Amino acid sequence: MSKKAILIMKIKYLFVIFTVAILCLLSFQGIWLYNTYQLKLEEVKSRLNILLIESVNSELDHRFANLQKNVTSGNDSSGVLSFEFNEISDDENYANIISQQSVFLQNALLFYNLPFNIALLDSIYSTILSEANINVNFMLTYKDSSEIIETIGKPDNIDYRTIEVPIVSNNHVYADVKIDPPVVFQQMFGILIASLLMLLILLAILAYQTRYIFTQHRLNRLRENFTHALTHDMRTPLGTIYNVINQLKGGKLDVNPTTREKFCDIANGQVLNLQALVEQILTIAYIEQRELTLNKKPINLEEMISRLTDKFMVKGGKNIKFDTSFALNGEIVYADPLYFENAISNLIDNAIKYSEDSVTVCIECVSNQKMIFVKVRDNGLGISAIDQGKIFERFERGAAVKNKKTSGFGLGLNYVRKVIEAHGGIVALSSKPGEGSEFVIGIPIVVTLIK
């Protein structure tokens, strides 16, 4: 089985594990929230009972206060009945919620023509529920042992009926309540927030772990690609240099000075290639760690482009044609000569390397009032839209390039971007697969030649 097939299988397994983990997490979370909802619903029902009892006793207090006003004469209040209500907890037996004193007061109030007032109870119950942050619709029913005496309110639907609270004799009052889910959710607001935060944290952890796994795989792949490219690209020049040194050491080239000079030039060229490669790697590593130090100087762009085209024409290897044009209007580039020339050289090298056996490289230098642009266009393999989004990253190379098995480290365009951005410039790319690519470098104008 190929490495690619193994990778695809691993990704599928990872996706399945991640999906199962998410589903399990959501299931456990849902079960926990459902059970919490049921507990809170029971708490709301219990509160409805307790608050109804409190409301009945508050209604009794209001009528008892009116009785005091009726029977009290002047400022002498001795002999006036007193009533004290102790709050009832839900642990008490509802059958004994009305004390003997309350029964006596209910009958006394009835005797003084102050009967139970269901409208007053409705107002008190509504107020107490609102203060308890329980916003429900309810209907109060006042009944005796055989029939309904009076009702007030009318909810759309009934979810729960409270306990029957005794009033006097065999009369009772109860409430039919419509408990909407938002009422329960409001009671468990803190729990919902904590649950949501916990879910988000767990999802973030899973996402981080997944991203970490993919990042590790990507780094491993890049390391393998870099090691392979480094071994491949350095083996030939090092072998060439080694052979030339052995020939010189053995004295075999002494008899033919022309051949010796040619071999020395070849070895020297390979050393320069290795030096440029090492310099490129070190520059990128340096930029990653700290800001690049630039030694900016005025650059004659026409001379620099001419020097680069001559160098690549001498290297040969392909049928290369250069087409250059300059419309700078007297503007000159103010940049670091070494880094800037290497950046342009990388673009030209890519244009030649990632093309067919015959390539035309168009280099156009133009300027506007703010920037000087260097455009390098080729008729090569082109870059897909997907690859264009990542082609400037380290060790990244387009799919077409990989398929062609062209040597390289995937550092050239990353070097170009970092160098140009260090100059305060921009890099842009326009490309279509099979139609070539155009890279545009923009450098801010600093110096203007006076004509």
Protein backbone atom coordinates (compact mmCIF):
# COMPACT_ATOMS: atom_id res chain seq x y z
CA MET A 1 0.00 0.00 0.00
CA SER A 2 1.37 3.43 -0.97
CA LYS A 3 2.07 6.20 1.52
CA LYS A 4 -0.70 8.28 -0.01
CA ALA A 5 -3.24 5.48 0.48
CA ILE A 6 -2.08 5.01 4.07
CA LEU A 7 -2.42 8.74 4.67
CA ILE A 8 -5.95 8.79 3.23
CA MET A 9 -6.87 5.83 5.44
CA LYS A 10 -5.46 7.55 8.52
CA ILE A 11 -7.39 10.71 7.72
CA LYS A 12 -10.59 8.69 7.33
CA TYR A 13 -10.02 6.96 10.65
CA LEU A 14 -9.31 10.29 12.29
CA PHE A 15 -12.46 11.79 10.80
CA VAL A 16 -14.54 8.83 12.05
CA ILE A 17 -13.03 9.06 15.54
CA PHE A 18 -13.58 12.82 15.62
CA THR A 19 -17.21 12.42 14.46
CA VAL A 20 -17.94 9.69 17.02
CA ALA A 21 -16.35 11.78 19.76
CA ILE A 22 -18.50 14.78 18.84
CA LEU A 23 -21.67 12.67 18.72
CA CYS A 24 -20.89 11.07 22.08
CA LEU A 25 -20.15 14.46 23.57
CA LEU A 26 -23.39 15.93 22.25
CA SER A 27 -25.34 12.85 23.43
CA PHE A 28 -23.97 13.03 26.96
CA GLN A 29 -24.54 16.75 26.98
CA GLY A 30 -28.11 16.29 25.78
CA ILE A 31 -28.90 13.61 28.37
CA TRP A 32 -27.42 15.75 31.13
CA LEU A 33 -29.37 18.81 30.03
CA TYR A 34 -32.60 16.78 29.76
CA ASN A 35 -32.22 15.43 33.30
CA THR A 36 -31.33 18.90 34.54
CA TYR A 37 -34.42 20.28 32.79
CA GLN A 38 -36.63 17.69 34.50
CA LEU A 39 -35.16 18.50 37.91
CA LYS A 40 -35.66 22.22 37.35
CA LEU A 41 -39.21 21.55 36.16
CA GLU A 42 -39.96 19.74 39.42
CA GLU A 43 -38.39 22.63 41.32
CA VAL A 44 -40.66 25.07 39.47
CA LYS A 45 -43.71 22.95 40.31
CA SER A 46 -42.67 22.82 43.96
CA ARG A 47 -42.18 26.59 43.98
CA LEU A 48 -45.65 27.06 42.46
CA ASN A 49 -47.14 25.13 45.38
CA ILE A 50 -45.18 26.98 48.04
CA LEU A 51 -45.88 30.39 46.51
CA LEU A 52 -49.59 29.58 46.26
CA ILE A 53 -49.61 28.82 50.00
CA GLU A 54 -47.79 32.08 50.67
CA SER A 55 -50.30 33.93 48.49
CA VAL A 56 -53.29 32.38 50.33
CA ASN A 57 -51.85 33.46 53.67
CA SER A 58 -51.06 36.91 52.28
CA GLU A 59 -54.69 37.21 51.13
CA LEU A 60 -55.74 36.21 54.65
CA ASP A 61 -53.46 38.92 56.08
CA HIS A 62 -55.11 41.57 53.86
CA ARG A 63 -58.62 40.61 55.03
CA PHE A 64 -57.46 40.42 58.63
CA ALA A 65 -56.05 43.95 58.34
CA ASN A 66 -59.44 45.17 57.13
CA LEU A 67 -61.07 43.41 60.10
CA GLN A 68 -58.78 45.27 62.50
CA LYS A 69 -59.81 48.57 60.95
CA ASN A 70 -63.49 47.68 61.40
CA VAL A 71 -63.34 46.52 65.03
CA THR A 72 -60.75 48.99 66.33
CA SER A 73 -62.20 52.16 67.91
CA GLY A 74 -59.99 55.16 68.66
CA ASN A 75 -56.43 54.36 69.64
CA ASP A 76 -57.33 51.46 71.88
CA SER A 77 -56.33 48.34 70.12
CA SER A 78 -56.21 46.02 73.13
CA GLY A 79 -58.25 42.96 72.55
CA VAL A 80 -57.74 43.07 68.78
CA LEU A 81 -56.94 39.67 67.33
CA SER A 82 -53.36 39.14 66.13
CA PHE A 83 -52.08 36.77 63.49
CA GLU A 84 -48.55 35.61 62.75
CA PHE A 85 -47.60 33.56 59.67
CA ASN A 86 -44.50 31.40 59.61
CA GLU A 87 -43.14 30.60 56.11
CA ILE A 88 -43.82 27.01 55.11
CA SER A 89 -41.07 24.92 53.54
CA ASP A 90 -41.66 22.27 50.91
CA ASP A 91 -40.66 19.58 53.41
CA GLU A 92 -43.77 20.09 55.48
CA ASN A 93 -46.95 18.15 55.10
CA TYR A 94 -49.32 20.11 52.93
CA ALA A 95 -52.26 18.64 54.82
CA ASN A 96 -51.25 20.66 57.89
CA ILE A 97 -50.36 23.92 56.20
CA ILE A 98 -53.25 25.76 57.80
CA SER A 99 -52.87 26.09 61.53
CA GLN A 100 -55.77 26.03 63.91
CA GLN A 101 -55.28 29.76 64.30
CA SER A 102 -55.70 30.23 60.54
CA VAL A 103 -58.90 28.16 60.54
CA PHE A 104 -60.24 30.29 63.37
CA LEU A 105 -59.34 33.50 61.51
CA GLN A 106 -60.96 32.27 58.30
CA ASN A 107 -64.21 31.60 60.14
CA ALA A 108 -63.96 34.89 62.03
CA LEU A 109 -63.46 36.83 58.81
CA LEU A 110 -66.41 35.01 57.25
CA PHE A 111 -68.49 35.97 60.28
CA TYR A 112 -67.53 39.63 59.79
CA ASN A 113 -68.59 39.38 56.16
CA LEU A 114 -65.04 39.33 54.82
CA PRO A 115 -65.09 36.15 52.73
CA PHE A 116 -62.26 34.71 50.67
CA ASN A 117 -61.38 37.03 47.74
CA ILE A 118 -60.14 35.08 44.72
CA ALA A 119 -59.44 38.28 42.71
CA LEU A 120 -57.16 39.52 45.48
CA LEU A 121 -55.45 36.11 45.59
CA ASP A 122 -54.94 36.29 41.79
CA SER A 123 -53.23 39.68 42.13
CA ILE A 124 -51.05 38.55 45.04
CA TYR A 125 -50.08 35.27 43.32
CA SER A 126 -49.15 37.09 40.12
CA THR A 127 -46.96 39.53 42.03
CA ILE A 128 -45.19 36.81 44.03
CA LEU A 129 -44.55 34.71 40.91
CA SER A 130 -43.15 37.74 39.10
CA GLU A 131 -40.83 38.49 42.02
CA ALA A 132 -39.69 34.83 41.95
CA ASN A 133 -38.96 35.23 38.20
CA ILE A 134 -41.55 32.58 37.30
CA ASN A 135 -43.54 34.03 34.42
CA VAL A 136 -46.43 31.60 33.79
CA ASN A 137 -50.09 31.78 32.83
CA PHE A 138 -52.45 30.30 35.41
CA MET A 139 -56.09 29.94 36.36
CA LEU A 140 -57.25 29.95 39.99
CA THR A 141 -60.18 27.73 40.97
CA TYR A 142 -62.11 28.07 44.23
CA LYS A 143 -64.28 25.02 44.99
CA ASP A 144 -65.97 23.08 47.71
CA SER A 145 -66.18 19.31 48.00
CA SER A 146 -68.70 18.97 45.20
CA GLU A 147 -68.53 21.89 42.78
CA ILE A 148 -66.55 24.88 41.56
CA ILE A 149 -67.53 28.09 43.26
CA GLU A 150 -65.46 30.60 41.28
CA THR A 151 -62.58 30.74 38.77
CA ILE A 152 -60.32 33.51 37.49
CA GLY A 153 -57.86 33.44 34.57
CA LYS A 154 -57.72 31.02 31.68
CA PRO A 155 -54.42 29.59 30.35
CA ASP A 156 -54.28 28.26 26.81
CA ASN A 157 -53.15 24.84 27.95
CA ILE A 158 -52.65 23.24 31.32
CA ASP A 159 -49.34 21.54 32.14
CA TYR A 160 -49.62 21.29 35.90
CA ARG A 161 -52.21 21.56 38.70
CA THR A 162 -50.97 22.72 42.06
CA ILE A 163 -52.01 21.27 45.41
CA GLU A 164 -55.40 22.24 46.80
CA VAL A 165 -54.93 24.76 49.60
CA PRO A 166 -57.76 24.66 52.20
CA ILE A 167 -59.53 27.96 52.90
CA VAL A 168 -62.49 27.33 55.24
CA SER A 169 -64.71 24.33 55.96
CA ASN A 170 -64.29 22.03 52.92
CA ASN A 171 -63.43 24.82 50.47
CA HIS A 172 -60.12 24.75 48.64
CA VAL A 173 -58.25 26.79 46.05
CA TYR A 174 -55.77 25.56 43.47
CA ALA A 175 -54.07 26.80 40.30
CA ASP A 176 -53.91 25.29 36.82
CA VAL A 177 -50.61 26.42 35.29
CA LYS A 178 -49.12 26.49 31.78
CA ILE A 179 -45.35 26.00 32.21
CA ASP A 180 -43.54 26.89 28.98
CA PRO A 181 -39.96 25.58 28.44
CA PRO A 182 -38.46 29.12 28.54
CA VAL A 183 -39.70 29.39 32.13
CA VAL A 184 -37.64 26.34 33.10
CA PHE A 185 -34.67 27.44 30.98
CA GLN A 186 -34.73 30.79 32.75
CA GLN A 187 -34.35 28.96 36.04
CA MET A 188 -31.35 27.03 34.71
CA PHE A 189 -29.68 29.98 32.94
CA GLY A 190 -26.41 29.59 34.84
CA ILE A 191 -26.32 25.87 34.12
CA LEU A 192 -26.95 26.47 30.41
CA ILE A 193 -24.12 29.01 30.21
CA ALA A 194 -21.75 26.66 32.05
CA SER A 195 -22.83 23.78 29.80
CA LEU A 196 -22.30 25.85 26.66
CA LEU A 197 -18.85 26.97 27.83
CA MET A 198 -17.89 23.41 28.67
CA LEU A 199 -19.09 22.22 25.26
CA LEU A 200 -17.16 24.98 23.48
CA ILE A 201 -14.02 24.19 25.48
CA LEU A 202 -14.26 20.49 24.65
CA LEU A 203 -14.90 21.24 20.98
CA ALA A 204 -11.94 23.63 20.98
CA ILE A 205 -9.75 20.93 22.53
CA LEU A 206 -10.85 18.37 19.94
CA ALA A 207 -10.31 20.86 17.13
CA TYR A 208 -6.88 21.77 18.51
CA GLN A 209 -5.89 18.11 18.77
CA THR A 210 -7.07 17.46 15.22
CA ARG A 211 -5.22 20.49 13.93
CA TYR A 212 -2.13 19.45 15.88
CA ILE A 213 -2.22 15.98 14.30
CA PHE A 214 -2.57 17.42 10.78
CA THR A 215 0.14 20.00 11.50
CA GLN A 216 2.50 17.29 12.71
CA HIS A 217 1.77 15.24 9.62
CA ARG A 218 2.34 18.27 7.40
CA LEU A 219 5.63 19.06 9.14
CA ASN A 220 6.76 15.46 8.78
CA ARG A 221 5.87 15.55 5.09
CA LEU A 222 7.69 18.85 4.60
CA ARG A 223 10.72 17.51 6.42
CA GLU A 224 10.78 14.43 4.20
CA ASN A 225 10.35 16.54 1.07
CA PHE A 226 13.05 18.97 2.17
CA THR A 227 15.47 16.17 3.05
CA HIS A 228 14.82 14.48 -0.28
CA ALA A 229 15.23 17.74 -2.24
CA LEU A 230 18.32 18.72 -0.28
CA THR A 231 19.92 15.33 -0.89
CA HIS A 232 18.99 15.37 -4.57
CA ASP A 233 20.03 18.96 -5.32
CA MET A 234 23.27 18.89 -3.35
CA ARG A 235 24.47 15.49 -4.46
CA THR A 236 25.23 16.54 -8.05
CA PRO A 237 27.18 19.76 -7.33
CA LEU A 238 29.09 18.16 -4.47
CA GLY A 239 29.93 15.17 -6.68
CA THR A 240 31.07 17.51 -9.46
CA ILE A 241 33.27 19.52 -7.11
CA TYR A 242 34.72 16.33 -5.63
CA ASN A 243 35.59 14.96 -9.08
CA VAL A 244 37.23 18.22 -10.18
CA ILE A 245 39.32 18.32 -7.00
CA ASN A 246 40.44 14.72 -7.55
CA GLN A 247 41.39 15.51 -11.15
CA LEU A 248 43.39 18.53 -10.03
CA LYS A 249 44.98 16.60 -7.18
CA GLY A 250 46.05 13.76 -9.46
CA GLY A 251 47.64 16.21 -11.92
CA LYS A 252 45.64 14.83 -14.82
CA LEU A 253 44.55 18.31 -15.91
CA ASP A 254 47.99 19.90 -15.76
CA VAL A 255 48.82 18.86 -19.31
CA ASN A 256 45.77 20.67 -20.70
CA PRO A 257 45.37 24.16 -19.22
CA THR A 258 42.23 24.87 -21.24
CA THR A 259 40.44 21.78 -19.88
CA ARG A 260 41.68 22.52 -16.38
CA GLU A 261 40.29 26.06 -16.55
CA LYS A 262 36.97 24.74 -17.86
CA PHE A 263 36.70 22.20 -15.04
CA CYS A 264 37.61 24.85 -12.48
CA ASP A 265 34.89 27.12 -13.85
CA ILE A 266 32.38 24.28 -13.54
CA ALA A 267 33.41 23.60 -9.95
CA ASN A 268 33.32 27.31 -9.18
CA GLY A 269 29.78 27.56 -10.62
CA GLN A 270 28.63 24.64 -8.48
CA VAL A 271 30.14 26.27 -5.39
CA LEU A 272 28.28 29.50 -6.18
CA ASN A 273 25.03 27.53 -6.58
CA LEU A 274 25.53 25.85 -3.21
CA GLN A 275 26.43 29.19 -1.65
CA ALA A 276 23.25 30.79 -3.05
CA LEU A 277 21.16 27.90 -1.74
CA VAL A 278 22.68 28.07 1.75
CA GLU A 279 22.32 31.86 1.75
CA GLN A 280 18.65 31.51 0.83
CA ILE A 281 17.97 29.02 3.62
CA LEU A 282 19.85 31.12 6.19
CA THR A 283 18.08 34.31 5.08
CA ILE A 284 14.64 32.75 5.51
CA ALA A 285 15.62 31.35 8.92
CA TYR A 286 16.97 34.77 9.94
CA ILE A 287 13.80 36.55 8.84
CA GLU A 288 11.70 34.06 10.83
CA GLN A 289 13.62 34.91 13.99
CA ARG A 290 14.11 38.67 13.62
CA GLU A 291 13.70 41.56 11.22
CA LEU A 292 15.94 41.48 8.18
CA THR A 293 18.68 44.10 8.20
CA LEU A 294 18.81 45.83 4.82
CA ASN A 295 21.67 47.78 3.29
CA LYS A 296 19.68 49.87 0.82
CA LYS A 297 21.37 51.51 -2.14
CA PRO A 298 20.24 52.96 -5.47
CA ILE A 299 20.01 50.15 -8.05
CA ASN A 300 20.23 50.52 -11.80
CA LEU A 301 17.40 48.17 -12.66
CA GLU A 302 18.27 47.87 -16.37
CA GLU A 303 21.86 46.83 -15.58
CA MET A 304 20.69 44.33 -12.96
CA ILE A 305 18.12 42.70 -15.28
CA SER A 306 20.69 42.56 -18.09
CA ARG A 307 23.20 40.89 -15.80
CA LEU A 308 20.64 38.30 -14.69
CA THR A 309 19.50 37.46 -18.23
CA ASP A 310 23.10 37.00 -19.33
CA LYS A 311 23.71 34.65 -16.41
CA PHE A 312 20.71 32.46 -17.24
CA MET A 313 21.51 32.46 -20.96
CA VAL A 314 25.01 31.15 -20.15
CA LYS A 315 23.59 28.42 -17.89
CA GLY A 316 21.52 27.16 -20.80
CA GLY A 317 19.93 23.72 -20.56
CA LYS A 318 16.82 24.93 -22.39
CA ASN A 319 15.82 27.02 -25.34
CA ILE A 320 15.47 30.31 -23.46
CA LYS A 321 14.30 33.61 -24.86
CA PHE A 322 14.16 36.84 -22.86
CA ASP A 323 11.95 39.80 -23.70
CA THR A 324 12.67 42.87 -21.56
CA SER A 325 11.12 46.33 -21.50
CA PHE A 326 11.62 49.36 -19.26
CA ALA A 327 9.33 52.34 -18.67
CA LEU A 328 10.66 53.76 -15.41
CA ASN A 329 10.34 57.49 -16.21
CA GLY A 330 13.63 58.22 -14.46
CA GLU A 331 12.67 56.38 -11.25
CA ILE A 332 15.23 54.09 -9.64
CA VAL A 333 14.93 51.27 -7.12
CA TYR A 334 16.28 51.94 -3.66
CA ALA A 335 16.86 48.50 -2.10
CA ASP A 336 19.39 46.04 -0.79
CA PRO A 337 21.31 44.98 -3.93
CA LEU A 338 22.06 41.43 -2.77
CA TYR A 339 18.59 40.50 -1.50
CA PHE A 340 16.70 42.30 -4.27
CA GLU A 341 18.76 40.75 -7.05
CA ASN A 342 18.39 37.31 -5.49
CA ALA A 343 14.61 37.80 -5.36
CA ILE A 344 14.42 38.69 -9.08
CA SER A 345 16.82 35.84 -9.83
CA ASN A 346 14.52 33.38 -8.05
CA LEU A 347 11.56 34.49 -10.17
CA ILE A 348 13.53 34.10 -13.40
CA ASP A 349 14.91 30.74 -12.27
CA ASN A 350 11.38 29.50 -11.48
CA ALA A 351 10.10 30.73 -14.85
CA ILE A 352 12.79 28.68 -16.60
CA LYS A 353 12.74 25.67 -14.31
CA TYR A 354 8.96 25.18 -14.29
CA SER A 355 8.48 25.40 -18.05
CA GLU A 356 8.82 23.09 -21.01
CA ASP A 357 12.02 22.75 -23.08
CA SER A 358 11.34 26.05 -24.83
CA VAL A 359 10.47 29.05 -22.68
CA THR A 360 9.98 32.75 -23.20
CA VAL A 361 10.48 34.95 -20.16
CA CYS A 362 9.10 38.49 -20.36
CA ILE A 363 10.51 40.98 -17.86
CA GLU A 364 8.76 44.35 -17.71
CA CYS A 365 9.79 47.21 -15.44
CA VAL A 366 7.32 50.07 -15.06
CA SER A 367 6.59 52.79 -12.53
CA ASN A 368 3.79 55.03 -11.35
CA GLN A 369 3.89 57.91 -8.90
CA LYS A 370 4.33 55.66 -5.87
CA MET A 371 5.91 52.36 -6.86
CA ILE A 372 8.21 50.59 -9.28
CA PHE A 373 6.92 47.27 -10.56
CA VAL A 374 8.97 44.38 -11.90
CA LYS A 375 6.84 41.85 -13.80
CA VAL A 376 8.21 38.42 -14.66
CA ARG A 377 5.95 36.47 -17.02
CA ASP A 378 6.51 33.03 -18.55
CA ASN A 379 4.68 30.54 -20.77
CA GLY A 380 5.32 27.61 -18.44
CA LEU A 381 3.24 25.09 -16.51
CA GLY A 382 1.13 27.60 -14.61
CA ILE A 383 -0.23 27.36 -11.05
CA SER A 384 -3.72 26.23 -10.03
CA ALA A 385 -5.99 28.47 -7.95
CA ILE A 386 -5.64 26.12 -4.96
CA ASP A 387 -1.83 26.17 -5.11
CA GLN A 388 -1.75 29.96 -5.51
CA GLY A 389 -3.08 30.30 -1.97
CA LYS A 390 -0.11 28.47 -0.45
CA ILE A 391 2.70 28.75 -3.01
CA PHE A 392 4.47 31.48 -1.02
CA GLU A 393 4.73 29.30 2.09
CA ARG A 394 7.95 27.53 2.98
CA PHE A 395 8.57 24.18 1.27
CA GLU A 396 5.36 24.48 -0.75
CA ARG A 397 5.43 23.64 -4.44
CA GLY A 398 2.60 23.50 -6.95
CA ALA A 399 0.99 20.20 -7.93
CA ALA A 400 2.05 20.62 -11.57
CA VAL A 401 5.64 21.10 -10.45
CA LYS A 402 5.53 17.99 -8.28
CA ASN A 403 4.05 15.94 -11.11
CA LYS A 404 6.86 17.09 -13.39
CA LYS A 405 9.32 16.03 -10.65
CA THR A 406 11.35 19.19 -10.99
CA SER A 407 14.00 19.59 -8.32
CA GLY A 408 13.70 22.33 -5.74
CA PHE A 409 13.10 23.04 -2.07
CA GLY A 410 9.99 25.19 -2.23
CA LEU A 411 11.88 28.10 -0.65
CA GLY A 412 12.30 30.47 -3.58
CA LEU A 413 8.91 32.21 -3.52
CA ASN A 414 8.90 32.34 0.27
CA TYR A 415 12.30 34.06 0.05
CA VAL A 416 10.94 36.52 -2.54
CA ARG A 417 7.93 37.43 -0.43
CA LYS A 418 9.89 37.93 2.78
CA VAL A 419 12.59 40.03 1.09
CA ILE A 420 10.11 42.25 -0.76
CA GLU A 421 7.92 42.70 2.32
CA ALA A 422 11.05 43.64 4.29
CA HIS A 423 11.49 46.45 1.73
CA GLY A 424 7.89 47.57 2.32
CA GLY A 425 6.82 46.22 -1.06
CA ILE A 426 4.23 43.77 -2.35
CA VAL A 427 4.22 40.53 -4.34
CA ALA A 428 1.32 39.47 -6.56
CA LEU A 429 0.66 36.43 -8.72
CA SER A 430 -1.55 35.81 -11.74
CA SER A 431 -1.55 32.34 -13.25
CA LYS A 432 -3.57 29.69 -15.06
CA PRO A 433 -2.57 26.04 -15.40
CA GLY A 434 -1.04 25.42 -18.82
CA GLU A 435 -0.91 29.14 -19.68
CA GLY A 436 2.06 30.30 -17.63
CA SER A 437 2.41 32.66 -14.68
CA GLU A 438 3.12 36.31 -14.01
CA PHE A 439 4.75 37.46 -10.79
CA VAL A 440 4.68 41.17 -9.96
CA ILE A 441 6.99 42.82 -7.45
CA GLY A 442 6.20 46.32 -6.25
CA ILE A 443 8.82 48.48 -4.47
CA PRO A 444 8.00 51.95 -3.05
CA ILE A 445 9.73 54.83 -4.83
CA VAL A 446 12.24 56.61 -2.63
CA VAL A 447 14.63 58.35 -5.02
CA THR A 448 13.73 60.18 -8.23
CA LEU A 449 16.41 61.04 -10.76
CA ILE A 450 16.45 64.68 -11.82
CA LYS A 451 16.62 64.97 -15.58
